[in-house]
Amino acid sequence: MTRPRFPKPFIHEHPPVQNVNQLVATQLTFGQKASDWVATNLGSWWFIIVQTMLLAIWVVVNVTAWLRHWDPYPFIFMNLMLSLQAAYAAPIIMMSQNRQANRDRLEAHNDYLINEKTEQEVQAILEHLAAQDAALLEIHQLLAELRGQSNLSGPTSTQP
């Protein structure tokens, strides 16, 4: 009988998996953190509600002239303020989105590396299972031969 041959044990030759979110967070500059903060807050219901209330107060105060008309209808100064807000908000949000896209590329690359490692480990497991199947087949054949030899030597007990 030949001795069953098993593949060599799989050696894990890779660094530990890293959390991309932690890596990116440690490398953020002040400007990147600020653009993320602005994008997060401008894209919230809190901002929409506060801005709506401020614009409503602006319109009511200017239409009713409770104080004085610093921006009479058609609210040219309010339009200027909103245009300035949009002129600064759009590039800041784009900076945040570009940084997010870079983080997504890093995460996709990290996922690719993990998938490669997983594929290697699954292949090693499949090779080991195939070797176990071959070993079990040899063991079953050996047992069948031993049972056949014991049946040829004659009955060890008589049964009615």
N, C-alpha and C. Protein backbone atom coordinates (compact mmCIF):
# COMPACT_ATOMS: atom_id res chain seq x y z
N MET A 1 0.85 -1.18 0.00
CA MET A 1 0.00 0.00 0.00
C MET A 1 0.89 1.24 0.00
N THR A 2 0.49 2.20 -0.78
CA THR A 2 1.23 3.45 -0.80
C THR A 2 0.67 4.38 0.27
N ARG A 3 1.54 5.17 0.77
CA ARG A 3 1.13 6.11 1.81
C ARG A 3 0.43 7.30 1.15
N PRO A 4 -0.72 7.74 1.69
CA PRO A 4 -1.41 8.89 1.10
C PRO A 4 -0.52 10.13 1.12
N ARG A 5 -0.59 10.87 0.04
CA ARG A 5 0.22 12.09 -0.05
C ARG A 5 -0.68 13.31 0.07
N PHE A 6 -0.33 14.14 0.98
CA PHE A 6 -1.09 15.38 1.20
C PHE A 6 -0.25 16.56 0.74
N PRO A 7 -0.90 17.59 0.26
CA PRO A 7 -0.14 18.78 -0.15
C PRO A 7 0.53 19.42 1.06
N LYS A 8 1.56 20.19 0.78
CA LYS A 8 2.23 20.91 1.86
C LYS A 8 1.24 21.89 2.49
N PRO A 9 1.39 22.13 3.78
CA PRO A 9 0.48 23.08 4.44
C PRO A 9 0.56 24.46 3.77
N PHE A 10 -0.58 25.10 3.70
CA PHE A 10 -0.64 26.43 3.08
C PHE A 10 0.01 27.45 4.01
N ILE A 11 0.88 28.26 3.47
CA ILE A 11 1.56 29.29 4.25
C ILE A 11 0.93 30.63 3.93
N HIS A 12 0.46 31.30 4.95
CA HIS A 12 -0.16 32.62 4.77
C HIS A 12 0.94 33.66 4.69
N GLU A 13 1.25 34.08 3.47
CA GLU A 13 2.32 35.05 3.24
C GLU A 13 1.73 36.39 2.83
N HIS A 14 0.93 36.95 3.68
CA HIS A 14 0.37 38.26 3.35
C HIS A 14 0.24 39.07 4.63
N PRO A 15 0.32 40.39 4.49
CA PRO A 15 0.13 41.23 5.67
C PRO A 15 -1.32 41.18 6.12
N PRO A 16 -1.58 41.55 7.34
CA PRO A 16 -2.97 41.54 7.80
C PRO A 16 -3.82 42.53 7.01
N VAL A 17 -5.09 42.27 6.93
CA VAL A 17 -6.02 43.14 6.23
C VAL A 17 -6.14 44.45 7.00
N GLN A 18 -6.10 45.55 6.27
CA GLN A 18 -6.17 46.86 6.90
C GLN A 18 -7.52 47.51 6.62
N ASN A 19 -7.96 48.30 7.58
CA ASN A 19 -9.20 49.05 7.43
C ASN A 19 -8.91 50.32 6.63
N VAL A 20 -9.43 50.40 5.42
CA VAL A 20 -9.17 51.54 4.54
C VAL A 20 -9.70 52.83 5.17
N ASN A 21 -10.83 52.75 5.87
CA ASN A 21 -11.40 53.95 6.49
C ASN A 21 -10.44 54.55 7.51
N GLN A 22 -9.79 53.70 8.30
CA GLN A 22 -8.83 54.20 9.29
C GLN A 22 -7.60 54.78 8.61
N LEU A 23 -7.13 54.12 7.56
CA LEU A 23 -5.96 54.63 6.85
C LEU A 23 -6.23 56.00 6.25
N VAL A 24 -7.38 56.16 5.62
CA VAL A 24 -7.72 57.43 4.99
C VAL A 24 -7.93 58.51 6.06
N ALA A 25 -8.59 58.15 7.15
CA ALA A 25 -8.89 59.14 8.20
C ALA A 25 -7.61 59.69 8.82
N THR A 26 -6.58 58.87 8.93
CA THR A 26 -5.33 59.35 9.53
C THR A 26 -4.56 60.27 8.59
N GLN A 27 -4.87 60.25 7.30
CA GLN A 27 -4.14 61.05 6.33
C GLN A 27 -4.88 62.30 5.88
N LEU A 28 -6.07 62.56 6.45
CA LEU A 28 -6.86 63.71 6.03
C LEU A 28 -6.21 65.02 6.48
N THR A 29 -6.21 65.99 5.58
CA THR A 29 -5.74 67.32 5.93
C THR A 29 -6.91 68.12 6.51
N PHE A 30 -6.59 69.30 7.04
CA PHE A 30 -7.64 70.15 7.58
C PHE A 30 -8.66 70.52 6.50
N GLY A 31 -8.17 70.85 5.31
CA GLY A 31 -9.06 71.22 4.21
C GLY A 31 -9.99 70.09 3.80
N GLN A 32 -9.47 68.87 3.79
CA GLN A 32 -10.30 67.72 3.43
C GLN A 32 -11.36 67.46 4.50
N LYS A 33 -10.97 67.59 5.77
CA LYS A 33 -11.96 67.42 6.85
C LYS A 33 -13.03 68.50 6.76
N ALA A 34 -12.60 69.74 6.45
CA ALA A 34 -13.56 70.84 6.33
C ALA A 34 -14.52 70.62 5.17
N SER A 35 -14.00 70.17 4.02
CA SER A 35 -14.89 69.94 2.88
C SER A 35 -15.87 68.81 3.16
N ASP A 36 -15.43 67.78 3.88
CA ASP A 36 -16.35 66.71 4.26
C ASP A 36 -17.43 67.23 5.20
N TRP A 37 -17.03 68.09 6.15
CA TRP A 37 -18.00 68.65 7.10
C TRP A 37 -19.03 69.50 6.37
N VAL A 38 -18.55 70.35 5.44
CA VAL A 38 -19.47 71.21 4.69
C VAL A 38 -20.41 70.36 3.84
N ALA A 39 -19.88 69.36 3.14
CA ALA A 39 -20.73 68.50 2.29
C ALA A 39 -21.75 67.75 3.13
N THR A 40 -21.34 67.29 4.30
CA THR A 40 -22.27 66.56 5.17
C THR A 40 -23.39 67.48 5.66
N ASN A 41 -23.04 68.70 6.05
CA ASN A 41 -24.05 69.60 6.60
C ASN A 41 -24.91 70.25 5.54
N LEU A 42 -24.35 70.57 4.38
CA LEU A 42 -25.17 71.15 3.32
C LEU A 42 -26.16 70.13 2.76
N GLY A 43 -25.84 68.88 2.90
CA GLY A 43 -26.72 67.83 2.40
C GLY A 43 -27.60 67.25 3.49
N SER A 44 -28.05 68.09 4.41
CA SER A 44 -28.87 67.58 5.51
C SER A 44 -30.19 68.32 5.59
N TRP A 45 -31.16 67.69 6.22
CA TRP A 45 -32.45 68.33 6.43
C TRP A 45 -32.32 69.53 7.37
N TRP A 46 -31.40 69.43 8.31
CA TRP A 46 -31.16 70.53 9.24
C TRP A 46 -30.82 71.80 8.47
N PHE A 47 -29.92 71.69 7.49
CA PHE A 47 -29.53 72.85 6.70
C PHE A 47 -30.71 73.39 5.89
N ILE A 48 -31.45 72.50 5.26
CA ILE A 48 -32.60 72.92 4.44
C ILE A 48 -33.63 73.67 5.29
N ILE A 49 -33.92 73.14 6.47
CA ILE A 49 -34.92 73.77 7.35
C ILE A 49 -34.44 75.14 7.82
N VAL A 50 -33.18 75.21 8.29
CA VAL A 50 -32.64 76.49 8.77
C VAL A 50 -32.59 77.51 7.63
N GLN A 51 -32.12 77.11 6.46
CA GLN A 51 -32.04 78.05 5.34
C GLN A 51 -33.44 78.51 4.93
N THR A 52 -34.40 77.62 4.91
CA THR A 52 -35.77 77.99 4.56
C THR A 52 -36.33 79.00 5.56
N MET A 53 -36.07 78.76 6.84
CA MET A 53 -36.56 79.70 7.85
C MET A 53 -35.89 81.07 7.70
N LEU A 54 -34.59 81.10 7.46
CA LEU A 54 -33.89 82.38 7.28
C LEU A 54 -34.40 83.13 6.05
N LEU A 55 -34.60 82.42 4.96
CA LEU A 55 -35.12 83.07 3.75
C LEU A 55 -36.54 83.58 3.96
N ALA A 56 -37.36 82.83 4.68
CA ALA A 56 -38.73 83.27 4.96
C ALA A 56 -38.71 84.52 5.83
N ILE A 57 -37.85 84.55 6.85
CA ILE A 57 -37.73 85.74 7.69
C ILE A 57 -37.25 86.93 6.86
N TRP A 58 -36.28 86.70 6.00
CA TRP A 58 -35.74 87.75 5.12
C TRP A 58 -36.86 88.37 4.29
N VAL A 59 -37.67 87.51 3.66
CA VAL A 59 -38.75 87.99 2.80
C VAL A 59 -39.79 88.74 3.62
N VAL A 60 -40.21 88.15 4.74
CA VAL A 60 -41.26 88.78 5.56
C VAL A 60 -40.80 90.15 6.07
N VAL A 61 -39.58 90.23 6.57
CA VAL A 61 -39.07 91.49 7.11
C VAL A 61 -38.97 92.54 6.00
N ASN A 62 -38.56 92.16 4.81
CA ASN A 62 -38.42 93.13 3.72
C ASN A 62 -39.75 93.52 3.09
N VAL A 63 -40.69 92.62 3.05
CA VAL A 63 -42.00 92.94 2.46
C VAL A 63 -42.81 93.81 3.41
N THR A 64 -42.79 93.50 4.68
CA THR A 64 -43.61 94.25 5.64
C THR A 64 -42.92 95.52 6.11
N ALA A 65 -41.65 95.64 5.87
CA ALA A 65 -40.86 96.81 6.25
C ALA A 65 -40.89 97.06 7.75
N TRP A 66 -40.78 96.01 8.53
CA TRP A 66 -40.75 96.16 9.98
C TRP A 66 -39.52 96.98 10.41
N LEU A 67 -38.41 96.69 9.80
CA LEU A 67 -37.21 97.46 10.12
C LEU A 67 -37.03 98.53 9.06
N ARG A 68 -36.45 98.16 7.99
CA ARG A 68 -36.36 99.03 6.82
C ARG A 68 -36.07 98.13 5.62
N HIS A 69 -36.30 98.59 4.45
CA HIS A 69 -36.10 97.79 3.24
C HIS A 69 -34.62 97.79 2.87
N TRP A 70 -33.83 96.86 3.41
CA TRP A 70 -32.44 96.78 2.97
C TRP A 70 -32.34 95.98 1.68
N ASP A 71 -33.40 95.21 1.37
CA ASP A 71 -33.43 94.42 0.14
C ASP A 71 -34.86 94.37 -0.38
N PRO A 72 -35.33 95.44 -1.01
CA PRO A 72 -36.73 95.44 -1.48
C PRO A 72 -36.94 94.42 -2.59
N TYR A 73 -38.23 94.08 -2.76
CA TYR A 73 -38.60 93.14 -3.81
C TYR A 73 -38.02 93.62 -5.13
N PRO A 74 -37.41 92.81 -5.92
CA PRO A 74 -37.32 91.36 -6.10
C PRO A 74 -36.15 90.70 -5.38
N PHE A 75 -35.71 91.25 -4.27
CA PHE A 75 -34.71 90.63 -3.39
C PHE A 75 -33.39 90.34 -4.11
N ILE A 76 -32.84 91.36 -4.72
CA ILE A 76 -31.58 91.22 -5.47
C ILE A 76 -30.43 90.86 -4.54
N PHE A 77 -30.39 91.46 -3.34
CA PHE A 77 -29.30 91.15 -2.40
C PHE A 77 -29.41 89.70 -1.91
N MET A 78 -30.63 89.21 -1.67
CA MET A 78 -30.82 87.81 -1.26
C MET A 78 -30.35 86.89 -2.38
N ASN A 79 -30.66 87.22 -3.63
CA ASN A 79 -30.19 86.42 -4.76
C ASN A 79 -28.67 86.42 -4.84
N LEU A 80 -28.05 87.56 -4.56
CA LEU A 80 -26.60 87.63 -4.54
C LEU A 80 -26.03 86.72 -3.46
N MET A 81 -26.60 86.76 -2.27
CA MET A 81 -26.13 85.91 -1.17
C MET A 81 -26.28 84.42 -1.52
N LEU A 82 -27.42 84.05 -2.09
CA LEU A 82 -27.63 82.65 -2.47
C LEU A 82 -26.67 82.23 -3.59
N SER A 83 -26.38 83.15 -4.51
CA SER A 83 -25.42 82.84 -5.57
C SER A 83 -24.02 82.64 -5.01
N LEU A 84 -23.64 83.50 -4.05
CA LEU A 84 -22.34 83.33 -3.40
C LEU A 84 -22.26 82.00 -2.66
N GLN A 85 -23.34 81.68 -1.96
CA GLN A 85 -23.38 80.40 -1.24
C GLN A 85 -23.20 79.24 -2.22
N ALA A 86 -23.91 79.27 -3.34
CA ALA A 86 -23.81 78.20 -4.33
C ALA A 86 -22.44 78.18 -4.98
N ALA A 87 -21.85 79.37 -5.21
CA ALA A 87 -20.53 79.44 -5.85
C ALA A 87 -19.46 78.80 -4.98
N TYR A 88 -19.59 78.91 -3.67
CA TYR A 88 -18.61 78.29 -2.78
C TYR A 88 -18.98 76.86 -2.40
N ALA A 89 -20.27 76.59 -2.29
CA ALA A 89 -20.70 75.26 -1.87
C ALA A 89 -20.37 74.20 -2.92
N ALA A 90 -20.60 74.52 -4.18
CA ALA A 90 -20.40 73.51 -5.24
C ALA A 90 -18.96 73.02 -5.30
N PRO A 91 -17.94 73.90 -5.34
CA PRO A 91 -16.57 73.37 -5.39
C PRO A 91 -16.17 72.63 -4.12
N ILE A 92 -16.67 73.08 -2.97
CA ILE A 92 -16.33 72.38 -1.72
C ILE A 92 -16.93 70.98 -1.73
N ILE A 93 -18.16 70.87 -2.19
CA ILE A 93 -18.80 69.54 -2.28
C ILE A 93 -18.05 68.67 -3.29
N MET A 94 -17.61 69.25 -4.40
CA MET A 94 -16.85 68.50 -5.40
C MET A 94 -15.52 68.00 -4.81
N MET A 95 -14.86 68.82 -3.99
CA MET A 95 -13.62 68.38 -3.34
C MET A 95 -13.88 67.18 -2.45
N SER A 96 -14.97 67.23 -1.72
CA SER A 96 -15.33 66.11 -0.85
C SER A 96 -15.64 64.86 -1.68
N GLN A 97 -16.34 65.04 -2.78
CA GLN A 97 -16.67 63.89 -3.63
C GLN A 97 -15.43 63.31 -4.29
N ASN A 98 -14.49 64.16 -4.70
CA ASN A 98 -13.24 63.65 -5.29
C ASN A 98 -12.45 62.85 -4.26
N ARG A 99 -12.40 63.35 -3.03
CA ARG A 99 -11.69 62.62 -1.99
C ARG A 99 -12.39 61.30 -1.71
N GLN A 100 -13.71 61.32 -1.71
CA GLN A 100 -14.48 60.08 -1.51
C GLN A 100 -14.22 59.09 -2.65
N ALA A 101 -14.11 59.60 -3.87
CA ALA A 101 -13.81 58.71 -5.01
C ALA A 101 -12.43 58.09 -4.86
N ASN A 102 -11.45 58.86 -4.38
CA ASN A 102 -10.12 58.31 -4.13
C ASN A 102 -10.17 57.22 -3.06
N ARG A 103 -10.95 57.47 -2.01
CA ARG A 103 -11.09 56.46 -0.95
C ARG A 103 -11.77 55.20 -1.50
N ASP A 104 -12.75 55.39 -2.36
CA ASP A 104 -13.44 54.24 -2.97
C ASP A 104 -12.48 53.43 -3.84
N ARG A 105 -11.58 54.12 -4.57
CA ARG A 105 -10.58 53.39 -5.37
C ARG A 105 -9.64 52.58 -4.48
N LEU A 106 -9.22 53.17 -3.36
CA LEU A 106 -8.38 52.43 -2.42
C LEU A 106 -9.11 51.21 -1.87
N GLU A 107 -10.37 51.40 -1.53
CA GLU A 107 -11.15 50.29 -0.99
C GLU A 107 -11.35 49.19 -2.04
N ALA A 108 -11.59 49.58 -3.28
CA ALA A 108 -11.75 48.59 -4.35
C ALA A 108 -10.45 47.81 -4.56
N HIS A 109 -9.32 48.50 -4.51
CA HIS A 109 -8.03 47.81 -4.66
C HIS A 109 -7.79 46.87 -3.48
N ASN A 110 -8.14 47.32 -2.28
CA ASN A 110 -8.00 46.47 -1.10
C ASN A 110 -8.90 45.24 -1.22
N ASP A 111 -10.12 45.42 -1.70
CA ASP A 111 -11.03 44.29 -1.92
C ASP A 111 -10.44 43.30 -2.93
N TYR A 112 -9.82 43.83 -3.99
CA TYR A 112 -9.19 42.98 -5.00
C TYR A 112 -8.08 42.14 -4.37
N LEU A 113 -7.23 42.76 -3.55
CA LEU A 113 -6.14 42.02 -2.90
C LEU A 113 -6.69 40.94 -1.97
N ILE A 114 -7.74 41.27 -1.23
CA ILE A 114 -8.34 40.28 -0.33
C ILE A 114 -8.94 39.14 -1.14
N ASN A 115 -9.58 39.45 -2.27
CA ASN A 115 -10.15 38.39 -3.12
C ASN A 115 -9.07 37.49 -3.68
N GLU A 116 -7.91 38.06 -4.05
CA GLU A 116 -6.80 37.24 -4.52
C GLU A 116 -6.33 36.27 -3.44
N LYS A 117 -6.17 36.79 -2.22
CA LYS A 117 -5.73 35.95 -1.10
C LYS A 117 -6.76 34.85 -0.82
N THR A 118 -8.02 35.22 -0.87
CA THR A 118 -9.08 34.25 -0.62
C THR A 118 -9.07 33.16 -1.67
N GLU A 119 -8.85 33.54 -2.92
CA GLU A 119 -8.80 32.55 -4.00
C GLU A 119 -7.65 31.56 -3.79
N GLN A 120 -6.49 32.05 -3.36
CA GLN A 120 -5.34 31.17 -3.09
C GLN A 120 -5.66 30.21 -1.94
N GLU A 121 -6.29 30.73 -0.89
CA GLU A 121 -6.60 29.88 0.25
C GLU A 121 -7.67 28.85 -0.10
N VAL A 122 -8.67 29.23 -0.89
CA VAL A 122 -9.70 28.28 -1.31
C VAL A 122 -9.07 27.19 -2.17
N GLN A 123 -8.15 27.56 -3.06
CA GLN A 123 -7.46 26.57 -3.90
C GLN A 123 -6.68 25.59 -3.02
N ALA A 124 -6.00 26.10 -1.99
CA ALA A 124 -5.26 25.22 -1.07
C ALA A 124 -6.22 24.27 -0.35
N ILE A 125 -7.37 24.77 0.07
CA ILE A 125 -8.36 23.93 0.75
C ILE A 125 -8.87 22.85 -0.19
N LEU A 126 -9.15 23.22 -1.45
CA LEU A 126 -9.64 22.23 -2.42
C LEU A 126 -8.60 21.15 -2.70
N GLU A 127 -7.34 21.54 -2.80
CA GLU A 127 -6.27 20.55 -3.01
C GLU A 127 -6.18 19.60 -1.81
N HIS A 128 -6.31 20.15 -0.62
CA HIS A 128 -6.25 19.32 0.57
C HIS A 128 -7.45 18.37 0.64
N LEU A 129 -8.63 18.86 0.28
CA LEU A 129 -9.80 17.99 0.27
C LEU A 129 -9.67 16.89 -0.78
N ALA A 130 -9.10 17.22 -1.94
CA ALA A 130 -8.89 16.20 -2.97
C ALA A 130 -7.92 15.13 -2.46
N ALA A 131 -6.88 15.55 -1.74
CA ALA A 131 -5.93 14.59 -1.18
C ALA A 131 -6.61 13.72 -0.12
N GLN A 132 -7.49 14.31 0.67
CA GLN A 132 -8.23 13.53 1.67
C GLN A 132 -9.15 12.52 0.99
N ASP A 133 -9.79 12.93 -0.09
CA ASP A 133 -10.64 12.01 -0.84
C ASP A 133 -9.84 10.81 -1.34
N ALA A 134 -8.66 11.09 -1.90
CA ALA A 134 -7.81 10.00 -2.39
C ALA A 134 -7.38 9.09 -1.25
N ALA A 135 -7.03 9.67 -0.11
CA ALA A 135 -6.62 8.87 1.04
C ALA A 135 -7.77 8.01 1.55
N LEU A 136 -8.97 8.58 1.62
CA LEU A 136 -10.13 7.81 2.06
C LEU A 136 -10.44 6.67 1.10
N LEU A 137 -10.27 6.92 -0.20
CA LEU A 137 -10.50 5.87 -1.18
C LEU A 137 -9.52 4.72 -0.97
N GLU A 138 -8.25 5.06 -0.74
CA GLU A 138 -7.25 4.02 -0.47
C GLU A 138 -7.59 3.25 0.81
N ILE A 139 -8.01 3.95 1.83
CA ILE A 139 -8.38 3.29 3.09
C ILE A 139 -9.56 2.35 2.88
N HIS A 140 -10.58 2.80 2.12
CA HIS A 140 -11.73 1.94 1.83
C HIS A 140 -11.32 0.71 1.03
N GLN A 141 -10.43 0.90 0.07
CA GLN A 141 -9.97 -0.25 -0.72
C GLN A 141 -9.19 -1.23 0.17
N LEU A 142 -8.36 -0.70 1.05
CA LEU A 142 -7.60 -1.55 1.97
C LEU A 142 -8.54 -2.31 2.90
N LEU A 143 -9.55 -1.63 3.42
CA LEU A 143 -10.53 -2.31 4.28
C LEU A 143 -11.28 -3.40 3.51
N ALA A 144 -11.61 -3.11 2.28
CA ALA A 144 -12.31 -4.12 1.47
C ALA A 144 -11.42 -5.33 1.24
N GLU A 145 -10.13 -5.08 1.00
CA GLU A 145 -9.19 -6.20 0.82
C GLU A 145 -9.06 -7.01 2.11
N LEU A 146 -8.97 -6.33 3.24
CA LEU A 146 -8.84 -7.02 4.53
C LEU A 146 -10.09 -7.84 4.83
N ARG A 147 -11.25 -7.30 4.52
CA ARG A 147 -12.50 -8.04 4.74
C ARG A 147 -12.55 -9.25 3.81
N GLY A 148 -12.07 -9.08 2.58
CA GLY A 148 -12.05 -10.19 1.64
C GLY A 148 -11.12 -11.29 2.11
N GLN A 149 -9.97 -10.93 2.66
CA GLN A 149 -9.03 -11.92 3.16
C GLN A 149 -9.58 -12.63 4.38
N SER A 150 -10.28 -11.91 5.24
CA SER A 150 -10.82 -12.54 6.45
C SER A 150 -11.96 -13.49 6.07
N ASN A 151 -12.69 -13.23 5.01
CA ASN A 151 -13.76 -14.12 4.58
C ASN A 151 -13.17 -15.37 3.93
N LEU A 152 -12.00 -15.30 3.32
CA LEU A 152 -11.38 -16.45 2.70
C LEU A 152 -10.80 -17.42 3.74
N SER A 153 -10.40 -16.94 4.89
CA SER A 153 -9.77 -17.80 5.90
C SER A 153 -10.79 -18.70 6.56
N GLY A 154 -12.05 -18.45 6.32
CA GLY A 154 -13.07 -19.33 6.86
C GLY A 154 -13.84 -18.63 7.96
N PRO A 155 -15.00 -19.21 8.26
CA PRO A 155 -15.83 -18.59 9.30
C PRO A 155 -15.21 -18.79 10.67
N THR A 156 -15.28 -17.81 11.46
CA THR A 156 -14.75 -17.90 12.81
C THR A 156 -15.78 -18.43 13.78
N SER A 157 -17.01 -18.34 13.41
CA SER A 157 -18.06 -18.89 14.27
C SER A 157 -19.14 -19.48 13.38
N THR A 158 -19.84 -20.37 13.92
CA THR A 158 -20.93 -20.98 13.16
C THR A 158 -22.24 -20.36 13.61
N GLN A 159 -23.02 -20.11 12.64
CA GLN A 159 -24.33 -19.55 12.97
C GLN A 159 -25.40 -20.44 12.32
N PRO A 160 -26.46 -20.70 13.03
CA PRO A 160 -27.52 -21.60 12.52
C PRO A 160 -28.28 -21.01 11.37
